[in-house]
């Protein structure tokens, strides 16, 4: 399969992702965001959850905050 064919198949989804401000590599943070949602539902405070995720995924706290903010936004399709 070449790139043109791949864009033909997933072009509409990529367009929606681009408009909504998602980055192509955001797929790799789906587990991180699921962990964040679980922690918050269990009553964990925001900054404590950020600190735990930072250690678990070896990502800076500021990056975790940006990722969570980006993945928490609503998308109008």
Protein backbone atom coordinates (compact mmCIF):
# COMPACT_ATOMS: atom_id res chain seq x y z
CA UNK A 1 0.00 0.00 0.00
CA UNK A 2 1.31 3.45 -0.79
CA UNK A 3 0.75 6.74 1.03
CA UNK A 4 -1.86 7.98 -1.44
CA UNK A 5 -3.99 4.88 -0.89
CA UNK A 6 -3.66 5.23 2.88
CA UNK A 7 -4.78 8.86 2.68
CA UNK A 8 -7.69 7.78 0.52
CA UNK A 9 -8.81 5.34 3.21
CA UNK A 10 -8.25 7.54 6.27
CA UNK A 11 -8.32 11.03 4.81
CA UNK A 12 -11.62 12.08 6.35
CA UNK A 13 -10.54 10.99 9.83
CA UNK A 14 -7.19 12.78 9.43
CA UNK A 15 -9.04 15.94 8.38
CA UNK A 16 -11.25 15.80 11.49
CA UNK A 17 -8.20 15.19 13.68
CA UNK A 18 -6.39 18.14 12.13
CA UNK A 19 -9.35 20.50 12.54
CA UNK A 20 -9.80 19.45 16.18
CA UNK A 21 -6.13 20.11 16.99
CA UNK A 22 -5.07 16.50 17.52
CA UNK A 23 -1.62 15.43 16.52
CA UNK A 24 -0.93 12.26 14.57
CA UNK A 25 1.06 10.81 17.47
CA UNK A 26 -1.73 11.35 20.01
CA UNK A 27 -2.81 7.72 19.56
CA UNK A 28 0.11 6.72 21.79
CA UNK A 29 -1.43 8.59 24.75
CA UNK A 30 -4.78 6.77 24.80
CA UNK A 31 -3.65 4.52 27.68
CA UNK A 32 -2.27 7.51 29.59
CA UNK A 33 -5.60 9.32 29.23
CA UNK A 34 -7.54 6.20 30.28
CA UNK A 35 -5.35 5.96 33.38
CA UNK A 36 -5.98 9.65 34.09
CA UNK A 37 -9.76 9.23 33.81
CA UNK A 38 -9.68 6.18 36.09
CA UNK A 39 -7.60 8.03 38.72
CA UNK A 40 -9.96 11.01 38.69
CA UNK A 41 -13.04 8.78 38.98
CA UNK A 42 -11.43 7.14 41.99
CA UNK A 43 -11.24 10.60 43.62
CA UNK A 44 -7.55 11.31 43.09
CA UNK A 45 -6.66 15.00 42.99
CA UNK A 46 -5.59 16.46 39.62
CA UNK A 47 -1.97 17.24 40.50
CA UNK A 48 -1.44 13.94 42.29
CA UNK A 49 -2.71 12.09 39.21
CA UNK A 50 -0.39 14.18 37.01
CA UNK A 51 2.57 13.31 39.23
CA UNK A 52 1.74 9.57 39.17
CA UNK A 53 1.33 9.57 35.38
CA UNK A 54 4.58 11.49 34.96
CA UNK A 55 6.47 8.79 36.82
CA UNK A 56 4.63 5.90 35.17
CA UNK A 57 5.09 7.11 31.59
CA UNK A 58 8.39 8.96 32.12
CA UNK A 59 6.98 12.19 30.68
CA UNK A 60 7.29 15.64 32.25
CA UNK A 61 4.35 16.93 34.27
CA UNK A 62 3.89 19.89 31.93
CA UNK A 63 3.67 17.52 28.95
CA UNK A 64 1.12 15.37 30.80
CA UNK A 65 -0.97 18.51 31.42
CA UNK A 66 -0.83 19.47 27.73
CA UNK A 67 -1.75 15.95 26.62
CA UNK A 68 -4.70 15.76 29.01
CA UNK A 69 -5.91 19.21 27.98
CA UNK A 70 -5.69 18.27 24.29
CA UNK A 71 -7.43 14.92 24.70
CA UNK A 72 -10.16 16.34 26.98
CA UNK A 73 -11.47 18.83 24.42
CA UNK A 74 -14.82 18.26 22.80
CA UNK A 75 -14.87 17.72 19.05
CA UNK A 76 -17.66 19.04 16.85
CA UNK A 77 -17.93 16.75 13.84
